[in-house]
Amino acid sequence: MDMETYKTKLSEGGRVVIPAKARKALGINIGDDIVIRVDKTGDATISSVRRSVERAQRIVAKYVKGKKSLADELVEERRREGKDERG
């Protein structure tokens, strides 16, 4: 993966301006929620919430066999538990 590097400054109040080219590369727009991850070495990555969710889905997909819907499974499990409690 090619990597671009952008330089910016930390402004008063802890504000950081993300340059337009970087926003475009990240797929983020003004007002979008972003995620900042800081690793053990102190390096940070910025991504959109959408891309972070997609990343999490890819990680979970490795552990889910077939095309199960984990949400549907959870709902069904809760319904069974509710029936068991009511008798």
PDB file of N, CA and C in Angstrom:
ATOM      1  N   MET A   1       0.844  -1.177   0.000  1.00  0.00           N
ATOM      2  CA  MET A   1       0.000   0.000   0.000  1.00  0.00           C
ATOM      3  C   MET A   1       0.886   1.236   0.000  1.00  0.00           C
ATOM      4  N   ASP A   2       0.630   2.127  -0.916  1.00  0.00           N
ATOM      5  CA  ASP A   2       1.352   3.399  -0.916  1.00  0.00           C
ATOM      6  C   ASP A   2       0.849   4.234   0.244  1.00  0.00           C
ATOM      7  N   MET A   3       1.765   4.987   0.822  1.00  0.00           N
ATOM      8  CA  MET A   3       1.372   5.814   1.946  1.00  0.00           C
ATOM      9  C   MET A   3       1.709   7.270   1.650  1.00  0.00           C
ATOM     10  N   GLU A   4       0.760   8.129   1.946  1.00  0.00           N
ATOM     11  CA  GLU A   4       0.964   9.569   1.831  1.00  0.00           C
ATOM     12  C   GLU A   4       1.197  10.114   3.231  1.00  0.00           C
ATOM     13  N   THR A   5       1.997  11.134   3.326  1.00  0.00           N
ATOM     14  CA  THR A   5       2.247  11.795   4.600  1.00  0.00           C
ATOM     15  C   THR A   5       1.826  13.252   4.482  1.00  0.00           C
ATOM     16  N   TYR A   6       1.108  13.743   5.484  1.00  0.00           N
ATOM     17  CA  TYR A   6       0.633  15.120   5.486  1.00  0.00           C
ATOM     18  C   TYR A   6       1.096  15.768   6.777  1.00  0.00           C
ATOM     19  N   LYS A   7       1.511  17.015   6.679  1.00  0.00           N
ATOM     20  CA  LYS A   7       1.953  17.753   7.851  1.00  0.00           C
ATOM     21  C   LYS A   7       0.907  18.803   8.185  1.00  0.00           C
ATOM     22  N   THR A   8       0.585  18.903   9.455  1.00  0.00           N
ATOM     23  CA  THR A   8      -0.362  19.906   9.925  1.00  0.00           C
ATOM     24  C   THR A   8       0.056  20.321  11.325  1.00  0.00           C
ATOM     25  N   LYS A   9      -0.626  21.281  11.903  1.00  0.00           N
ATOM     26  CA  LYS A   9      -0.280  21.738  13.249  1.00  0.00           C
ATOM     27  C   LYS A   9      -1.453  21.548  14.196  1.00  0.00           C
ATOM     28  N   LEU A  10      -1.116  21.377  15.457  1.00  0.00           N
ATOM     29  CA  LEU A  10      -2.118  21.330  16.509  1.00  0.00           C
ATOM     30  C   LEU A  10      -2.444  22.766  16.884  1.00  0.00           C
ATOM     31  N   SER A  11      -3.715  23.118  16.782  1.00  0.00           N
ATOM     32  CA  SER A  11      -4.145  24.489  17.069  1.00  0.00           C
ATOM     33  C   SER A  11      -4.651  24.602  18.495  1.00  0.00           C
ATOM     34  N   GLU A  12      -4.968  25.820  18.861  1.00  0.00           N
ATOM     35  CA  GLU A  12      -5.518  26.092  20.182  1.00  0.00           C
ATOM     36  C   GLU A  12      -6.753  25.223  20.412  1.00  0.00           C
ATOM     37  N   GLY A  13      -6.911  24.750  21.598  1.00  0.00           N
ATOM     38  CA  GLY A  13      -8.055  23.906  21.917  1.00  0.00           C
ATOM     39  C   GLY A  13      -7.882  22.467  21.454  1.00  0.00           C
ATOM     40  N   GLY A  14      -6.674  22.091  21.004  1.00  0.00           N
ATOM     41  CA  GLY A  14      -6.416  20.729  20.571  1.00  0.00           C
ATOM     42  C   GLY A  14      -6.968  20.406  19.195  1.00  0.00           C
ATOM     43  N   ARG A  15      -7.255  21.425  18.397  1.00  0.00           N
ATOM     44  CA  ARG A  15      -7.811  21.200  17.061  1.00  0.00           C
ATOM     45  C   ARG A  15      -6.726  20.861  16.052  1.00  0.00           C
ATOM     46  N   VAL A  16      -7.056  19.906  15.185  1.00  0.00           N
ATOM     47  CA  VAL A  16      -6.159  19.522  14.104  1.00  0.00           C
ATOM     48  C   VAL A  16      -6.920  19.673  12.795  1.00  0.00           C
ATOM     49  N   VAL A  17      -6.318  20.364  11.849  1.00  0.00           N
ATOM     50  CA  VAL A  17      -6.915  20.478  10.528  1.00  0.00           C
ATOM     51  C   VAL A  17      -6.385  19.327   9.687  1.00  0.00           C
ATOM     52  N   ILE A  18      -7.299  18.511   9.143  1.00  0.00           N
ATOM     53  CA  ILE A  18      -6.904  17.425   8.260  1.00  0.00           C
ATOM     54  C   ILE A  18      -6.929  17.982   6.843  1.00  0.00           C
ATOM     55  N   PRO A  19      -5.785  17.998   6.165  1.00  0.00           N
ATOM     56  CA  PRO A  19      -5.729  18.570   4.813  1.00  0.00           C
ATOM     57  C   PRO A  19      -6.731  17.913   3.860  1.00  0.00           C
ATOM     58  N   ALA A  20      -7.200  18.682   2.887  1.00  0.00           N
ATOM     59  CA  ALA A  20      -8.226  18.215   1.948  1.00  0.00           C
ATOM     60  C   ALA A  20      -7.840  16.903   1.263  1.00  0.00           C
ATOM     61  N   LYS A  21      -6.589  16.778   0.820  1.00  0.00           N
ATOM     62  CA  LYS A  21      -6.156  15.536   0.160  1.00  0.00           C
ATOM     63  C   LYS A  21      -6.273  14.348   1.102  1.00  0.00           C
ATOM     64  N   ALA A  22      -5.954  14.551   2.368  1.00  0.00           N
ATOM     65  CA  ALA A  22      -6.046  13.473   3.355  1.00  0.00           C
ATOM     66  C   ALA A  22      -7.510  13.124   3.611  1.00  0.00           C
ATOM     67  N   ARG A  23      -8.383  14.143   3.721  1.00  0.00           N
ATOM     68  CA  ARG A  23      -9.812  13.877   3.919  1.00  0.00           C
ATOM     69  C   ARG A  23     -10.370  13.074   2.755  1.00  0.00           C
ATOM     70  N   LYS A  24      -9.954  13.430   1.545  1.00  0.00           N
ATOM     71  CA  LYS A  24     -10.435  12.709   0.365  1.00  0.00           C
ATOM     72  C   LYS A  24      -9.958  11.251   0.410  1.00  0.00           C
ATOM     73  N   ALA A  25      -8.686  11.050   0.728  1.00  0.00           N
ATOM     74  CA  ALA A  25      -8.124   9.696   0.801  1.00  0.00           C
ATOM     75  C   ALA A  25      -8.815   8.864   1.886  1.00  0.00           C
ATOM     76  N   LEU A  26      -9.207   9.515   2.975  1.00  0.00           N
ATOM     77  CA  LEU A  26      -9.871   8.831   4.081  1.00  0.00           C
ATOM     78  C   LEU A  26     -11.364   8.638   3.827  1.00  0.00           C
ATOM     79  N   GLY A  27     -11.886   9.360   2.852  1.00  0.00           N
ATOM     80  CA  GLY A  27     -13.318   9.272   2.568  1.00  0.00           C
ATOM     81  C   GLY A  27     -14.163   9.946   3.632  1.00  0.00           C
ATOM     82  N   ILE A  28     -13.627  11.024   4.206  1.00  0.00           N
ATOM     83  CA  ILE A  28     -14.377  11.745   5.242  1.00  0.00           C
ATOM     84  C   ILE A  28     -14.702  13.151   4.765  1.00  0.00           C
ATOM     85  N   ASN A  29     -15.788  13.673   5.317  1.00  0.00           N
ATOM     86  CA  ASN A  29     -16.244  15.018   4.991  1.00  0.00           C
ATOM     87  C   ASN A  29     -16.440  15.809   6.271  1.00  0.00           C
ATOM     88  N   ILE A  30     -16.545  17.112   6.139  1.00  0.00           N
ATOM     89  CA  ILE A  30     -16.781  17.978   7.289  1.00  0.00           C
ATOM     90  C   ILE A  30     -18.019  17.474   8.035  1.00  0.00           C
ATOM     91  N   GLY A  31     -17.915  17.324   9.334  1.00  0.00           N
ATOM     92  CA  GLY A  31     -19.030  16.877  10.159  1.00  0.00           C
ATOM     93  C   GLY A  31     -19.094  15.381  10.375  1.00  0.00           C
ATOM     94  N   ASP A  32     -18.320  14.605   9.603  1.00  0.00           N
ATOM     95  CA  ASP A  32     -18.315  13.151   9.789  1.00  0.00           C
ATOM     96  C   ASP A  32     -17.661  12.784  11.114  1.00  0.00           C
ATOM     97  N   ASP A  33     -18.123  11.703  11.704  1.00  0.00           N
ATOM     98  CA  ASP A  33     -17.468  11.155  12.891  1.00  0.00           C
ATOM     99  C   ASP A  33     -16.236  10.392  12.429  1.00  0.00           C
ATOM    100  N   ILE A  34     -15.168  10.516  13.191  1.00  0.00           N
ATOM    101  CA  ILE A  34     -13.936   9.797  12.873  1.00  0.00           C
ATOM    102  C   ILE A  34     -13.477   9.025  14.103  1.00  0.00           C
ATOM    103  N   VAL A  35     -12.595   8.076  13.867  1.00  0.00           N
ATOM    104  CA  VAL A  35     -12.013   7.281  14.933  1.00  0.00           C
ATOM    105  C   VAL A  35     -10.508   7.502  14.897  1.00  0.00           C
ATOM    106  N   ILE A  36      -9.925   7.774  16.054  1.00  0.00           N
ATOM    107  CA  ILE A  36      -8.475   7.907  16.169  1.00  0.00           C
ATOM    108  C   ILE A  36      -7.999   6.773  17.056  1.00  0.00           C
ATOM    109  N   ARG A  37      -7.132   5.926  16.514  1.00  0.00           N
ATOM    110  CA  ARG A  37      -6.563   4.811  17.275  1.00  0.00           C
ATOM    111  C   ARG A  37      -5.101   5.125  17.552  1.00  0.00           C
ATOM    112  N   VAL A  38      -4.691   4.928  18.792  1.00  0.00           N
ATOM    113  CA  VAL A  38      -3.302   5.125  19.172  1.00  0.00           C
ATOM    114  C   VAL A  38      -2.747   3.762  19.572  1.00  0.00           C
ATOM    115  N   ASP A  39      -1.669   3.339  18.887  1.00  0.00           N
ATOM    116  CA  ASP A  39      -1.113   2.015  19.183  1.00  0.00           C
ATOM    117  C   ASP A  39      -0.118   2.089  20.339  1.00  0.00           C
ATOM    118  N   LYS A  40       0.450   0.947  20.682  1.00  0.00           N
ATOM    119  CA  LYS A  40       1.360   0.851  21.826  1.00  0.00           C
ATOM    120  C   LYS A  40       2.604   1.709  21.665  1.00  0.00           C
ATOM    121  N   THR A  41       2.976   2.001  20.406  1.00  0.00           N
ATOM    122  CA  THR A  41       4.178   2.805  20.176  1.00  0.00           C
ATOM    123  C   THR A  41       3.888   4.299  20.231  1.00  0.00           C
ATOM    124  N   GLY A  42       2.594   4.661  20.351  1.00  0.00           N
ATOM    125  CA  GLY A  42       2.228   6.070  20.388  1.00  0.00           C
ATOM    126  C   GLY A  42       1.875   6.630  19.021  1.00  0.00           C
ATOM    127  N   ASP A  43       1.889   5.788  17.980  1.00  0.00           N
ATOM    128  CA  ASP A  43       1.490   6.231  16.648  1.00  0.00           C
ATOM    129  C   ASP A  43      -0.026   6.193  16.544  1.00  0.00           C
ATOM    130  N   ALA A  44      -0.587   7.135  15.794  1.00  0.00           N
ATOM    131  CA  ALA A  44      -2.031   7.233  15.654  1.00  0.00           C
ATOM    132  C   ALA A  44      -2.459   7.003  14.214  1.00  0.00           C
ATOM    133  N   THR A  45      -3.661   6.445  14.064  1.00  0.00           N
ATOM    134  CA  THR A  45      -4.290   6.330  12.750  1.00  0.00           C
ATOM    135  C   THR A  45      -5.670   6.961  12.847  1.00  0.00           C
ATOM    136  N   ILE A  46      -6.102   7.553  11.753  1.00  0.00           N
ATOM    137  CA  ILE A  46      -7.417   8.178  11.685  1.00  0.00           C
ATOM    138  C   ILE A  46      -8.212   7.456  10.610  1.00  0.00           C
ATOM    139  N   SER A  47      -9.466   7.141  10.918  1.00  0.00           N
ATOM    140  CA  SER A  47     -10.335   6.543   9.909  1.00  0.00           C
ATOM    141  C   SER A  47     -11.764   7.006  10.140  1.00  0.00           C
ATOM    142  N   SER A  48     -12.574   6.827   9.124  1.00  0.00           N
ATOM    143  CA  SER A  48     -13.993   7.154   9.279  1.00  0.00           C
ATOM    144  C   SER A  48     -14.640   6.065  10.122  1.00  0.00           C
ATOM    145  N   VAL A  49     -15.747   6.394  10.755  1.00  0.00           N
ATOM    146  CA  VAL A  49     -16.480   5.397  11.520  1.00  0.00           C
ATOM    147  C   VAL A  49     -16.907   4.277  10.577  1.00  0.00           C
ATOM    148  N   ARG A  50     -17.352   4.630   9.365  1.00  0.00           N
ATOM    149  CA  ARG A  50     -17.784   3.630   8.386  1.00  0.00           C
ATOM    150  C   ARG A  50     -16.674   2.627   8.111  1.00  0.00           C
ATOM    151  N   ARG A  51     -15.472   3.103   7.866  1.00  0.00           N
ATOM    152  CA  ARG A  51     -14.356   2.195   7.586  1.00  0.00           C
ATOM    153  C   ARG A  51     -13.975   1.383   8.815  1.00  0.00           C
ATOM    154  N   SER A  52     -14.110   1.974   9.989  1.00  0.00           N
ATOM    155  CA  SER A  52     -13.823   1.234  11.214  1.00  0.00           C
ATOM    156  C   SER A  52     -14.827   0.107  11.416  1.00  0.00           C
ATOM    157  N   VAL A  53     -16.096   0.375  11.118  1.00  0.00           N
ATOM    158  CA  VAL A  53     -17.123  -0.660  11.224  1.00  0.00           C
ATOM    159  C   VAL A  53     -16.850  -1.765  10.204  1.00  0.00           C
ATOM    160  N   GLU A  54     -16.511  -1.384   8.969  1.00  0.00           N
ATOM    161  CA  GLU A  54     -16.191  -2.378   7.942  1.00  0.00           C
ATOM    162  C   GLU A  54     -15.018  -3.250   8.378  1.00  0.00           C
ATOM    163  N   ARG A  55     -14.018  -2.641   8.999  1.00  0.00           N
ATOM    164  CA  ARG A  55     -12.851  -3.382   9.488  1.00  0.00           C
ATOM    165  C   ARG A  55     -13.273  -4.380  10.560  1.00  0.00           C
ATOM    166  N   ALA A  56     -14.105  -3.941  11.490  1.00  0.00           N
ATOM    167  CA  ALA A  56     -14.591  -4.831  12.543  1.00  0.00           C
ATOM    168  C   ALA A  56     -15.402  -5.981  11.946  1.00  0.00           C
ATOM    169  N   GLN A  57     -16.212  -5.680  10.933  1.00  0.00           N
ATOM    170  CA  GLN A  57     -17.009  -6.730  10.293  1.00  0.00           C
ATOM    171  C   GLN A  57     -16.114  -7.768   9.623  1.00  0.00           C
ATOM    172  N   ARG A  58     -15.032  -7.327   9.001  1.00  0.00           N
ATOM    173  CA  ARG A  58     -14.104  -8.276   8.373  1.00  0.00           C
ATOM    174  C   ARG A  58     -13.462  -9.176   9.425  1.00  0.00           C
ATOM    175  N   ILE A  59     -13.114  -8.609  10.568  1.00  0.00           N
ATOM    176  CA  ILE A  59     -12.501  -9.386  11.639  1.00  0.00           C
ATOM    177  C   ILE A  59     -13.496 -10.429  12.151  1.00  0.00           C
ATOM    178  N   VAL A  60     -14.737 -10.023  12.410  1.00  0.00           N
ATOM    179  CA  VAL A  60     -15.755 -10.940  12.917  1.00  0.00           C
ATOM    180  C   VAL A  60     -16.064 -12.018  11.885  1.00  0.00           C
ATOM    181  N   ALA A  61     -16.099 -11.641  10.613  1.00  0.00           N
ATOM    182  CA  ALA A  61     -16.439 -12.584   9.538  1.00  0.00           C
ATOM    183  C   ALA A  61     -15.492 -13.790   9.518  1.00  0.00           C
ATOM    184  N   LYS A  62     -14.252 -13.604   9.955  1.00  0.00           N
ATOM    185  CA  LYS A  62     -13.299 -14.715  10.003  1.00  0.00           C
ATOM    186  C   LYS A  62     -13.769 -15.819  10.943  1.00  0.00           C
ATOM    187  N   TYR A  63     -14.571 -15.461  11.941  1.00  0.00           N
ATOM    188  CA  TYR A  63     -14.981 -16.401  12.969  1.00  0.00           C
ATOM    189  C   TYR A  63     -16.419 -16.877  12.822  1.00  0.00           C
ATOM    190  N   VAL A  64     -17.111 -16.381  11.790  1.00  0.00           N
ATOM    191  CA  VAL A  64     -18.504 -16.756  11.560  1.00  0.00           C
ATOM    192  C   VAL A  64     -18.563 -17.628  10.321  1.00  0.00           C
ATOM    193  N   LYS A  65     -19.086 -18.839  10.496  1.00  0.00           N
ATOM    194  CA  LYS A  65     -19.170 -19.759   9.366  1.00  0.00           C
ATOM    195  C   LYS A  65     -20.440 -19.487   8.570  1.00  0.00           C
ATOM    196  N   GLY A  66     -20.336 -19.555   7.257  1.00  0.00           N
ATOM    197  CA  GLY A  66     -21.505 -19.363   6.402  1.00  0.00           C
ATOM    198  C   GLY A  66     -21.968 -17.918   6.382  1.00  0.00           C
ATOM    199  N   LYS A  67     -23.237 -17.758   6.096  1.00  0.00           N
ATOM    200  CA  LYS A  67     -23.797 -16.409   6.009  1.00  0.00           C
ATOM    201  C   LYS A  67     -24.782 -16.166   7.135  1.00  0.00           C
ATOM    202  N   LYS A  68     -24.404 -16.538   8.332  1.00  0.00           N
ATOM    203  CA  LYS A  68     -25.254 -16.337   9.493  1.00  0.00           C
ATOM    204  C   LYS A  68     -25.401 -14.854   9.778  1.00  0.00           C
ATOM    205  N   SER A  69     -26.535 -14.501  10.312  1.00  0.00           N
ATOM    206  CA  SER A  69     -26.723 -13.157  10.831  1.00  0.00           C
ATOM    207  C   SER A  69     -26.600 -13.257  12.347  1.00  0.00           C
ATOM    208  N   LEU A  70     -25.550 -12.701  12.887  1.00  0.00           N
ATOM    209  CA  LEU A  70     -25.361 -12.770  14.334  1.00  0.00           C
ATOM    210  C   LEU A  70     -26.488 -12.052  15.060  1.00  0.00           C
ATOM    211  N   ALA A  71     -27.005 -10.981  14.466  1.00  0.00           N
ATOM    212  CA  ALA A  71     -28.121 -10.256  15.077  1.00  0.00           C
ATOM    213  C   ALA A  71     -29.357 -11.148  15.127  1.00  0.00           C
ATOM    214  N   ASP A  72     -29.651 -11.837  14.016  1.00  0.00           N
ATOM    215  CA  ASP A  72     -30.811 -12.734  13.992  1.00  0.00           C
ATOM    216  C   ASP A  72     -30.641 -13.866  14.998  1.00  0.00           C
ATOM    217  N   GLU A  73     -29.436 -14.415  15.106  1.00  0.00           N
ATOM    218  CA  GLU A  73     -29.177 -15.476  16.080  1.00  0.00           C
ATOM    219  C   GLU A  73     -29.412 -14.977  17.503  1.00  0.00           C
ATOM    220  N   LEU A  74     -28.964 -13.766  17.797  1.00  0.00           N
ATOM    221  CA  LEU A  74     -29.135 -13.203  19.133  1.00  0.00           C
ATOM    222  C   LEU A  74     -30.616 -13.000  19.442  1.00  0.00           C
ATOM    223  N   VAL A  75     -31.379 -12.470  18.482  1.00  0.00           N
ATOM    224  CA  VAL A  75     -32.812 -12.264  18.683  1.00  0.00           C
ATOM    225  C   VAL A  75     -33.500 -13.598  18.954  1.00  0.00           C
ATOM    226  N   GLU A  76     -33.182 -14.610  18.154  1.00  0.00           N
ATOM    227  CA  GLU A  76     -33.785 -15.932  18.339  1.00  0.00           C
ATOM    228  C   GLU A  76     -33.412 -16.521  19.699  1.00  0.00           C
ATOM    229  N   GLU A  77     -32.167 -16.361  20.102  1.00  0.00           N
ATOM    230  CA  GLU A  77     -31.724 -16.863  21.407  1.00  0.00           C
ATOM    231  C   GLU A  77     -32.499 -16.182  22.532  1.00  0.00           C
ATOM    232  N   ARG A  78     -32.675 -14.875  22.431  1.00  0.00           N
ATOM    233  CA  ARG A  78     -33.421 -14.127  23.461  1.00  0.00           C
ATOM    234  C   ARG A  78     -34.878 -14.575  23.511  1.00  0.00           C
ATOM    235  N   ARG A  79     -35.464 -14.853  22.346  1.00  0.00           N
ATOM    236  CA  ARG A  79     -36.859 -15.334  22.312  1.00  0.00           C
ATOM    237  C   ARG A  79     -36.976 -16.689  23.010  1.00  0.00           C
ATOM    238  N   ARG A  80     -36.033 -17.578  22.728  1.00  0.00           N
ATOM    239  CA  ARG A  80     -36.046 -18.897  23.386  1.00  0.00           C
ATOM    240  C   ARG A  80     -35.918 -18.736  24.896  1.00  0.00           C
ATOM    241  N   GLU A  81     -35.010 -17.861  25.320  1.00  0.00           N
ATOM    242  CA  GLU A  81     -34.821 -17.646  26.760  1.00  0.00           C
ATOM    243  C   GLU A  81     -36.084 -17.080  27.393  1.00  0.00           C
ATOM    244  N   GLY A  82     -36.765 -16.181  26.676  1.00  0.00           N
ATOM    245  CA  GLY A  82     -38.004 -15.601  27.172  1.00  0.00           C
ATOM    246  C   GLY A  82     -39.083 -16.650  27.328  1.00  0.00           C
ATOM    247  N   LYS A  83     -39.182 -17.574  26.368  1.00  0.00           N
ATOM    248  CA  LYS A  83     -40.166 -18.658  26.454  1.00  0.00           C
ATOM    249  C   LYS A  83     -39.849 -19.566  27.640  1.00  0.00           C
ATOM    250  N   ASP A  84     -38.558 -19.873  27.834  1.00  0.00           N
ATOM    251  CA  ASP A  84     -38.147 -20.728  28.946  1.00  0.00           C
ATOM    252  C   ASP A  84     -38.505 -20.099  30.298  1.00  0.00           C
ATOM    253  N   GLU A  85     -38.350 -18.790  30.409  1.00  0.00           N
ATOM    254  CA  GLU A  85     -38.645 -18.098  31.666  1.00  0.00           C
ATOM    255  C   GLU A  85     -40.142 -18.079  31.958  1.00  0.00           C
ATOM    256  N   ARG A  86     -40.931 -17.955  30.897  1.00  0.00           N
ATOM    257  CA  ARG A  86     -42.388 -17.902  31.073  1.00  0.00           C
ATOM    258  C   ARG A  86     -42.976 -19.299  31.278  1.00  0.00           C
ATOM    259  N   GLY A  87     -42.219 -20.317  30.858  1.00  0.00           N
ATOM    260  CA  GLY A  87     -42.670 -21.680  31.075  1.00  0.00           C
ATOM    261  C   GLY A  87     -43.439 -22.204  29.968  1.00  0.00           C
TER     262      GLY A  87
END
